[in-house]
Amino acid sequence: MRLPPPCLVLDRGSALALLTHLFSCGAGLLSAPPPAAAAELTFQTAASGLQWADAKVGTGAPLSAGMRVNIDYVMSTTGARYGAKIDSTVDRQAPYSWTMGDGSTILGLEQAVAGGGGVPPMLPGGVRRAIIPSNLGYASLAKPLPGLQYQECGGGPGPIPPREIKQGDMGEGAFQRFKNIYCNANRPYQPELVLDIKLFGKRAPAAT
């Protein structure tokens, strides 16, 4: 199905900029422009609620449980007052890695990469946009610790932006933006997470 305009996460220009960023920036990413603007991607919805659309289909064998996964991502959200973008491994030149099925990563990202439940697996070199509902994302992070009024944001499943202070940022940069949205029990709802994902093969660019 084609996702109707009210359901698109970003306006056409911002959405295209995010996918272009994945195609044109960082070691190992493609230099050619994306084949379709993000606003023209055709989204499908799995029974789990995960939505996905491929900007580029990769080649090779899909990943399975127990295999090491290396990706770049641009993280954004459907519910941000001061801009949708939260974090980018491309900006930090630090790919995100985990072992498939080890419990360290949110279920929505694992389903988006490994497939299952009607979702085809990503193949190395592929680029996919995934829109992840809270039950497959960070719902557990928005619950206060027993007897306390705050959440422990850094100890949940990843990816979680690192705590780092940059000049011009208020608080801890990307981590603070993430925390305000996804580790906040006072929000009436937790917005969907948007990940633009680039899947590497066996070897990912080294973090700097």
Protein backbone atom coordinates (compact mmCIF):
# COMPACT_ATOMS: atom_id res chain seq x y z
CA MET A 1 0.00 0.00 0.00
CA ARG A 2 1.09 3.64 -0.46
CA LEU A 3 1.32 5.51 2.80
CA PRO A 4 -1.04 8.54 2.66
CA PRO A 5 0.50 12.00 3.14
CA PRO A 6 -0.84 12.56 6.72
CA CYS A 7 1.06 9.45 7.88
CA LEU A 8 4.42 10.54 6.49
CA VAL A 9 6.90 11.26 9.22
CA LEU A 10 8.58 14.27 7.64
CA ASP A 11 7.83 16.76 4.92
CA ARG A 12 9.13 15.83 1.49
CA GLY A 13 12.30 17.90 1.70
CA SER A 14 13.32 16.68 5.15
CA ALA A 15 12.55 13.04 4.36
CA LEU A 16 14.57 13.13 1.15
CA ALA A 17 17.46 14.81 2.96
CA LEU A 18 17.63 11.98 5.51
CA LEU A 19 17.77 9.22 2.91
CA THR A 20 20.19 11.21 0.74
CA HIS A 21 22.38 11.54 3.83
CA LEU A 22 22.55 7.77 4.17
CA PHE A 23 23.42 7.33 0.50
CA SER A 24 26.03 10.05 0.23
CA CYS A 25 27.82 10.29 3.61
CA GLY A 26 30.19 8.08 5.50
CA ALA A 27 32.65 5.35 4.58
CA GLY A 28 31.17 2.58 2.51
CA LEU A 29 27.90 4.34 1.70
CA LEU A 30 26.79 4.85 -1.87
CA SER A 31 27.66 8.08 -3.66
CA ALA A 32 24.71 7.93 -6.05
CA PRO A 33 21.44 9.69 -5.17
CA PRO A 34 18.61 7.53 -3.79
CA PRO A 35 16.30 6.05 -6.43
CA ALA A 36 13.18 7.60 -4.91
CA ALA A 37 12.33 10.46 -2.63
CA ALA A 38 11.28 9.32 0.82
CA ALA A 39 7.87 10.89 0.23
CA GLU A 40 7.47 8.51 -2.74
CA LEU A 41 8.45 5.33 -0.92
CA THR A 42 5.75 2.68 -0.81
CA PHE A 43 5.28 1.51 2.77
CA GLN A 44 3.94 -1.84 3.91
CA THR A 45 2.72 -2.75 7.38
CA ALA A 46 3.44 -6.02 9.20
CA ALA A 47 1.03 -7.65 11.64
CA SER A 48 3.30 -6.41 14.44
CA GLY A 49 2.64 -2.79 13.42
CA LEU A 50 6.10 -2.25 11.91
CA GLN A 51 6.03 -0.21 8.69
CA TRP A 52 8.85 -0.45 6.17
CA ALA A 53 9.89 0.68 2.73
CA ASP A 54 13.08 -0.04 0.80
CA ALA A 55 15.01 2.77 -0.86
CA LYS A 56 17.55 0.23 -2.11
CA VAL A 57 17.49 -3.57 -2.02
CA GLY A 58 20.86 -5.13 -1.21
CA THR A 59 22.45 -8.34 -2.42
CA GLY A 60 23.78 -11.49 -0.81
CA ALA A 61 22.51 -13.63 2.06
CA PRO A 62 20.22 -12.38 4.85
CA LEU A 63 21.32 -12.42 8.48
CA SER A 64 20.06 -14.92 11.04
CA ALA A 65 20.11 -15.36 14.82
CA GLY A 66 23.59 -15.41 16.28
CA MET A 67 25.18 -13.43 13.45
CA ARG A 68 26.86 -10.07 13.97
CA VAL A 69 24.95 -7.09 12.55
CA ASN A 70 26.56 -3.80 11.50
CA ILE A 71 24.44 -0.85 10.41
CA ASP A 72 24.43 2.89 9.99
CA TYR A 73 21.22 4.64 10.90
CA VAL A 74 19.56 8.03 11.03
CA MET A 75 17.13 8.12 13.97
CA SER A 76 14.14 10.42 13.96
CA THR A 77 10.68 10.53 15.48
CA THR A 78 7.08 11.29 14.63
CA GLY A 79 6.63 13.36 17.82
CA ALA A 80 9.21 16.10 18.31
CA ARG A 81 8.53 19.77 18.93
CA TYR A 82 11.95 21.06 17.87
CA GLY A 83 12.77 18.89 14.85
CA ALA A 84 12.40 15.23 14.00
CA LYS A 85 16.04 14.12 13.80
CA ILE A 86 17.52 12.68 17.01
CA ASP A 87 20.76 10.90 16.17
CA SER A 88 22.92 9.63 13.32
CA THR A 89 25.71 7.07 13.34
CA VAL A 90 26.85 8.58 10.04
CA ASP A 91 27.43 11.94 11.73
CA ARG A 92 29.33 10.22 14.54
CA GLN A 93 31.17 7.85 12.16
CA ALA A 94 30.36 5.04 14.56
CA PRO A 95 28.23 2.19 13.09
CA TYR A 96 25.86 0.40 15.45
CA SER A 97 26.59 -3.29 16.01
CA TRP A 98 24.95 -6.16 17.87
CA THR A 99 24.47 -9.91 17.70
CA MET A 100 21.11 -10.81 16.20
CA GLY A 101 18.74 -12.18 18.84
CA ASP A 102 20.90 -11.40 21.89
CA GLY A 103 18.28 -9.12 23.49
CA SER A 104 20.44 -6.00 23.35
CA THR A 105 18.45 -4.31 20.59
CA ILE A 106 14.82 -3.27 20.22
CA LEU A 107 12.57 -5.81 18.53
CA GLY A 108 11.47 -3.37 15.83
CA LEU A 109 15.00 -2.92 14.55
CA GLU A 110 15.67 -6.66 14.61
CA GLN A 111 12.49 -7.32 12.63
CA ALA A 112 13.33 -4.53 10.18
CA VAL A 113 16.76 -6.06 9.50
CA ALA A 114 16.23 -9.83 9.87
CA GLY A 115 12.66 -9.88 8.58
CA GLY A 116 9.89 -12.20 9.76
CA GLY A 117 6.19 -11.75 10.34
CA GLY A 118 5.66 -10.77 6.71
CA VAL A 119 8.70 -8.49 6.52
CA PRO A 120 11.38 -9.53 4.00
CA PRO A 121 14.94 -9.51 5.38
CA MET A 122 17.35 -6.77 4.46
CA LEU A 123 20.34 -7.83 2.39
CA PRO A 124 23.85 -6.36 2.68
CA GLY A 125 24.07 -2.95 1.02
CA GLY A 126 20.35 -2.33 1.37
CA VAL A 127 18.75 0.87 2.67
CA ARG A 128 15.39 0.69 4.42
CA ARG A 129 13.16 3.10 6.30
CA ALA A 130 11.40 1.51 9.28
CA ILE A 131 8.65 3.15 11.31
CA ILE A 132 8.58 1.37 14.65
CA PRO A 133 5.65 1.50 17.10
CA SER A 134 6.39 1.93 20.79
CA ASN A 135 5.66 -1.71 21.68
CA LEU A 136 8.52 -2.75 19.37
CA GLY A 137 10.71 0.12 20.50
CA TYR A 138 11.28 1.90 23.79
CA ALA A 139 8.01 1.48 25.70
CA SER A 140 9.86 -0.12 28.62
CA LEU A 141 12.06 2.97 29.01
CA ALA A 142 9.11 5.23 29.82
CA LYS A 143 8.25 3.40 33.03
CA PRO A 144 9.55 4.94 36.30
CA LEU A 145 11.93 2.87 38.39
CA PRO A 146 10.18 1.22 41.38
CA GLY A 147 9.64 3.80 44.12
CA LEU A 148 11.13 6.62 42.05
CA GLN A 149 9.79 9.30 39.73
CA TYR A 150 12.41 9.04 37.00
CA GLN A 151 13.53 6.54 34.38
CA GLU A 152 16.91 4.92 33.84
CA CYS A 153 17.31 5.72 30.16
CA GLY A 154 20.79 4.40 29.53
CA GLY A 155 20.21 0.81 30.57
CA GLY A 156 17.57 -0.26 28.07
CA PRO A 157 17.80 -1.97 24.70
CA GLY A 158 19.61 -0.12 21.93
CA PRO A 159 20.25 1.75 19.93
CA ILE A 160 20.51 4.61 22.42
CA PRO A 161 22.55 7.69 21.51
CA PRO A 162 25.74 8.08 23.54
CA ARG A 163 26.05 10.62 26.34
CA GLU A 164 28.27 13.32 24.88
CA ILE A 165 28.24 17.08 25.24
CA LYS A 166 28.92 19.15 22.13
CA GLN A 167 29.35 22.89 21.82
CA GLY A 168 26.02 24.59 21.25
CA ASP A 169 23.98 21.66 22.60
CA MET A 170 21.71 21.91 25.59
CA GLY A 171 22.39 19.03 27.94
CA GLU A 172 23.86 15.89 26.38
CA GLY A 173 23.03 16.40 22.73
CA ALA A 174 21.44 13.46 20.95
CA PHE A 175 21.07 11.53 24.20
CA GLN A 176 19.12 14.40 25.77
CA ARG A 177 16.79 14.61 22.77
CA PHE A 178 16.26 10.85 22.91
CA LYS A 179 15.65 10.90 26.66
CA ASN A 180 13.07 13.69 26.48
CA ILE A 181 11.01 11.72 23.97
CA TYR A 182 11.47 8.04 24.80
CA CYS A 183 12.36 7.97 28.51
CA ASN A 184 9.60 10.29 29.67
CA ALA A 185 6.78 8.74 31.69
CA ASN A 186 4.98 12.10 31.72
CA ARG A 187 4.29 12.02 27.98
CA PRO A 188 0.70 10.99 27.26
CA TYR A 189 1.95 8.68 24.51
CA GLN A 190 5.26 7.52 23.06
CA PRO A 191 5.66 8.50 19.41
CA GLU A 192 6.78 6.11 16.70
CA LEU A 193 10.48 5.75 16.07
CA VAL A 194 11.80 6.25 12.54
CA LEU A 195 15.06 4.60 11.46
CA ASP A 196 16.71 4.94 8.07
CA ILE A 197 18.96 1.89 8.02
CA LYS A 198 21.98 1.00 5.90
CA LEU A 199 23.00 -2.66 6.33
CA PHE A 200 26.66 -3.53 5.90
CA GLY A 201 28.07 -6.90 4.92
CA LYS A 202 30.53 -8.86 7.01
CA ARG A 203 32.81 -5.88 7.43
CA ALA A 204 31.56 -2.46 8.55
CA PRO A 205 33.51 0.79 8.51
CA ALA A 206 35.60 1.08 11.64
CA ALA A 207 34.39 3.48 14.30
CA THR A 208 36.63 6.48 14.79
